[in-house]
Amino acid sequence: MSVAHLGSMGLPSRFHKTVKVPADQLLEALSQILHEGSVEENIGGKTFKSTVGWKAGVTLKVRVIPEGDVSSLEFDFSYRGLMLTILIVLVAFIALSLILSSLIPILLSLAAILLLVYIASLELNEFLRKISDTLSGLEAEYHRMKLMKDRARWRSDGRNIEDLYRRLCEKHVKMWGSTFTLEYKIREYERQGLTRDEAIRKISEEEGIF
């Protein structure tokens, strides 16, 4: 699953993403983005904890769960700092309103609260955009490096491509009654930049044709 643009999510509380990057590379990138936070070791993964911006009052926890060549990311947001700031502003302006016997401070407090929420939203969306761009770049680079390694391996593979294709066809006809699924997979890999021969070799590896 490709990385969606996270920066359009407003003020999220929790969401999950799967990234096609091994956990070790992902952990290194997150360490740079969340360099002011802390890292906790968990069973099956690591959790990063960091604040978002310096005015937002938002705390983010990101748990990284390795799953082979992909990684699961669990984002968990806390707005306690923001809520505390809003409460302090509200109490202060209510007190001022009682002292002055006027509703103007109450109206000003509402404007101040809206401004705080707006600032938090801006900082959070900029932060998520940065994470989204980083994850997209990591996925693209990992795909490029993996393809280079695959191509080097395929070039050294002495198996005959026509024989591999014939055996794939036999397998698909036996299982599905046609080669439609096989040709569809080949076309999909060609759309991703592979040649037809490379696609056949990749599918042969995936389906255990030796």
Protein backbone atom coordinates (compact mmCIF):
# COMPACT_ATOMS: atom_id res chain seq x y z
CA MET A 1 0.00 0.00 0.00
CA SER A 2 1.46 3.35 -0.98
CA VAL A 3 1.75 6.21 1.46
CA ALA A 4 -1.16 8.62 1.33
CA HIS A 5 -0.73 12.34 1.92
CA LEU A 6 -0.96 12.41 5.71
CA GLY A 7 -1.05 16.19 5.89
CA SER A 8 -4.73 16.41 4.95
CA MET A 9 -6.00 14.67 8.08
CA GLY A 10 -6.78 17.76 10.22
CA LEU A 11 -6.45 16.82 13.92
CA PRO A 12 -6.36 13.01 13.92
CA SER A 13 -6.32 10.91 17.08
CA ARG A 14 -4.97 7.62 15.78
CA PHE A 15 -4.33 5.93 12.45
CA HIS A 16 -2.29 3.11 10.91
CA LYS A 17 -0.07 2.98 7.84
CA THR A 18 1.86 0.21 6.08
CA VAL A 19 5.10 1.26 4.40
CA LYS A 20 7.06 -0.86 1.91
CA VAL A 21 10.37 -0.25 3.66
CA PRO A 22 12.26 -2.55 6.09
CA ALA A 23 12.06 -1.46 9.72
CA ASP A 24 15.78 -0.72 10.13
CA GLN A 25 15.73 1.91 7.36
CA LEU A 26 12.47 3.34 8.66
CA LEU A 27 13.78 3.61 12.22
CA GLU A 28 16.82 5.56 11.03
CA ALA A 29 14.65 8.04 9.11
CA LEU A 30 12.23 8.53 12.01
CA SER A 31 15.15 9.10 14.38
CA GLN A 32 16.12 12.11 12.26
CA ILE A 33 12.57 13.49 12.04
CA LEU A 34 11.77 12.90 15.71
CA HIS A 35 15.25 13.74 16.97
CA GLU A 36 13.97 15.70 19.98
CA GLY A 37 11.83 12.84 21.24
CA SER A 38 12.45 9.57 23.03
CA VAL A 39 12.55 5.95 21.91
CA GLU A 40 11.05 3.00 23.77
CA GLU A 41 11.75 -0.66 23.08
CA ASN A 42 8.58 -2.75 22.74
CA ILE A 43 7.92 -6.39 22.06
CA GLY A 44 8.01 -6.67 18.28
CA GLY A 45 8.95 -3.06 17.59
CA LYS A 46 9.96 0.42 18.78
CA THR A 47 7.92 3.46 19.81
CA PHE A 48 9.00 7.06 19.17
CA LYS A 49 7.53 9.85 21.29
CA SER A 50 7.86 13.50 20.27
CA THR A 51 6.14 16.86 20.44
CA VAL A 52 4.76 18.44 17.28
CA GLY A 53 6.08 21.95 16.69
CA TRP A 54 6.62 24.23 19.69
CA LYS A 55 3.23 25.94 19.95
CA ALA A 56 0.81 23.15 19.11
CA GLY A 57 0.74 21.35 22.47
CA VAL A 58 0.45 18.03 20.61
CA THR A 59 2.35 14.87 21.50
CA LEU A 60 2.84 12.08 18.98
CA LYS A 61 3.70 8.43 19.52
CA VAL A 62 4.77 6.39 16.49
CA ARG A 63 5.13 2.64 16.89
CA VAL A 64 7.16 0.80 14.24
CA ILE A 65 6.36 -2.90 13.79
CA PRO A 66 8.65 -4.90 11.46
CA GLU A 67 6.89 -7.19 8.98
CA GLY A 68 9.68 -8.42 6.72
CA ASP A 69 10.21 -6.11 3.75
CA VAL A 70 7.38 -3.86 4.96
CA SER A 71 6.73 -2.04 8.23
CA SER A 72 3.56 -1.11 10.06
CA LEU A 73 3.30 2.36 11.58
CA GLU A 74 0.83 3.19 14.34
CA PHE A 75 0.36 6.93 14.93
CA ASP A 76 -1.18 8.00 18.26
CA PHE A 77 -1.78 11.69 19.02
CA SER A 78 -2.36 13.32 22.41
CA TYR A 79 -3.77 16.85 22.74
CA ARG A 80 -3.42 17.23 26.51
CA GLY A 81 -1.04 20.17 26.19
CA LEU A 82 -3.39 21.95 23.79
CA MET A 83 -6.41 21.29 26.01
CA LEU A 84 -4.56 22.55 29.08
CA THR A 85 -3.60 25.77 27.27
CA ILE A 86 -7.18 26.28 26.13
CA LEU A 87 -8.45 25.73 29.69
CA ILE A 88 -5.98 28.25 31.11
CA VAL A 89 -6.97 30.83 28.50
CA LEU A 90 -10.67 30.24 29.14
CA VAL A 91 -10.35 30.51 32.93
CA ALA A 92 -8.21 33.66 32.67
CA PHE A 93 -10.66 35.43 30.35
CA ILE A 94 -13.67 34.36 32.43
CA ALA A 95 -12.01 35.82 35.50
CA LEU A 96 -11.26 39.01 33.60
CA SER A 97 -14.86 39.13 32.42
CA LEU A 98 -16.13 38.90 36.00
CA ILE A 99 -13.74 41.59 37.16
CA LEU A 100 -14.74 43.97 34.35
CA SER A 101 -18.41 42.91 34.36
CA SER A 102 -18.20 42.61 30.58
CA LEU A 103 -18.69 39.89 27.98
CA ILE A 104 -15.90 41.24 25.78
CA PRO A 105 -13.18 39.09 27.48
CA ILE A 106 -15.34 35.99 26.86
CA LEU A 107 -15.55 36.82 23.16
CA LEU A 108 -11.81 37.45 23.10
CA SER A 109 -11.22 34.07 24.76
CA LEU A 110 -13.20 32.32 22.03
CA ALA A 111 -11.10 34.05 19.39
CA ALA A 112 -7.90 33.08 21.24
CA ILE A 113 -9.04 29.43 21.47
CA LEU A 114 -9.85 29.34 17.76
CA LEU A 115 -6.40 30.78 17.04
CA LEU A 116 -4.73 28.14 19.20
CA VAL A 117 -6.59 25.34 17.41
CA TYR A 118 -5.73 26.88 14.04
CA ILE A 119 -2.02 27.08 14.93
CA ALA A 120 -2.08 23.48 16.18
CA SER A 121 -3.72 22.35 12.96
CA LEU A 122 -1.14 24.18 10.83
CA GLU A 123 1.81 22.75 12.74
CA LEU A 124 0.37 19.24 12.79
CA ASN A 125 -0.38 19.23 9.07
CA GLU A 126 3.11 20.54 8.24
CA PHE A 127 4.60 17.85 10.48
CA LEU A 128 2.54 15.10 8.82
CA ARG A 129 3.41 16.42 5.37
CA LYS A 130 7.09 16.11 6.25
CA ILE A 131 6.58 12.52 7.44
CA SER A 132 4.53 11.70 4.33
CA ASP A 133 7.24 13.07 2.00
CA THR A 134 9.93 11.17 3.89
CA LEU A 135 8.03 7.86 3.76
CA SER A 136 7.28 8.28 0.06
CA GLY A 137 10.94 8.97 -0.65
CA LEU A 138 12.03 5.95 1.39
CA GLU A 139 9.59 3.70 -0.48
CA ALA A 140 10.81 4.94 -3.86
CA GLU A 141 14.49 4.51 -2.93
CA TYR A 142 13.94 1.04 -1.46
CA HIS A 143 12.02 -0.04 -4.56
CA ARG A 144 14.86 1.27 -6.78
CA MET A 145 17.58 -0.51 -4.79
CA LYS A 146 15.60 -3.74 -4.62
CA LEU A 147 14.99 -3.66 -8.36
CA MET A 148 18.72 -3.20 -9.01
CA LYS A 149 19.51 -6.25 -6.87
CA ASP A 150 16.76 -8.28 -8.53
CA ARG A 151 18.02 -7.38 -12.01
CA ALA A 152 21.57 -8.36 -11.08
CA ARG A 153 20.30 -11.72 -9.85
CA TRP A 154 18.13 -12.28 -12.90
CA ARG A 155 21.05 -11.50 -15.25
CA SER A 156 23.08 -14.25 -13.57
CA ASP A 157 20.17 -16.71 -13.74
CA GLY A 158 20.83 -19.36 -16.37
CA ARG A 159 17.28 -20.66 -16.58
CA ASN A 160 15.62 -20.41 -19.97
CA ILE A 161 12.91 -17.74 -20.04
CA GLU A 162 10.72 -19.66 -22.51
CA ASP A 163 10.83 -22.71 -20.27
CA LEU A 164 9.88 -20.63 -17.23
CA TYR A 165 6.97 -19.07 -19.10
CA ARG A 166 5.79 -22.47 -20.33
CA ARG A 167 5.83 -23.89 -16.81
CA LEU A 168 3.99 -20.86 -15.46
CA CYS A 169 1.33 -21.27 -18.15
CA GLU A 170 0.92 -24.95 -17.28
CA LYS A 171 0.54 -24.12 -13.60
CA HIS A 172 -2.04 -21.38 -14.21
CA VAL A 173 -4.06 -23.45 -16.66
CA LYS A 174 -4.12 -26.29 -14.15
CA MET A 175 -5.14 -24.00 -11.26
CA TRP A 176 -7.35 -21.42 -12.96
CA GLY A 177 -8.20 -22.87 -16.35
CA SER A 178 -6.45 -20.08 -18.26
CA THR A 179 -3.39 -17.84 -18.33
CA PHE A 180 -5.41 -14.64 -17.82
CA THR A 181 -4.12 -14.09 -14.27
CA LEU A 182 -0.54 -14.74 -15.36
CA GLU A 183 -0.72 -12.22 -18.21
CA TYR A 184 -2.35 -9.69 -15.90
CA LYS A 185 0.52 -10.03 -13.40
CA ILE A 186 3.07 -9.68 -16.20
CA ARG A 187 1.39 -6.47 -17.43
CA GLU A 188 1.28 -5.07 -13.90
CA TYR A 189 5.01 -5.62 -13.44
CA GLU A 190 5.68 -4.09 -16.86
CA ARG A 191 3.77 -0.99 -15.71
CA GLN A 192 6.15 -0.84 -12.73
CA GLY A 193 9.15 -0.67 -15.07
CA LEU A 194 10.11 -4.31 -15.58
CA THR A 195 10.66 -5.88 -18.99
CA ARG A 196 8.49 -8.87 -19.92
CA ASP A 197 11.38 -11.26 -19.29
CA GLU A 198 12.05 -9.68 -15.89
CA ALA A 199 8.38 -9.94 -15.00
CA ILE A 200 8.34 -13.64 -15.92
CA ARG A 201 11.44 -14.29 -13.79
CA LYS A 202 9.96 -12.38 -10.85
CA ILE A 203 6.67 -14.30 -11.04
CA SER A 204 8.60 -17.57 -11.35
CA GLU A 205 10.36 -16.77 -8.10
CA GLU A 206 7.13 -15.78 -6.38
CA GLU A 207 5.33 -18.93 -7.49
CA GLY A 208 8.20 -21.33 -6.87
CA ILE A 209 8.88 -22.30 -10.50
CA PHE A 210 12.42 -23.67 -10.62
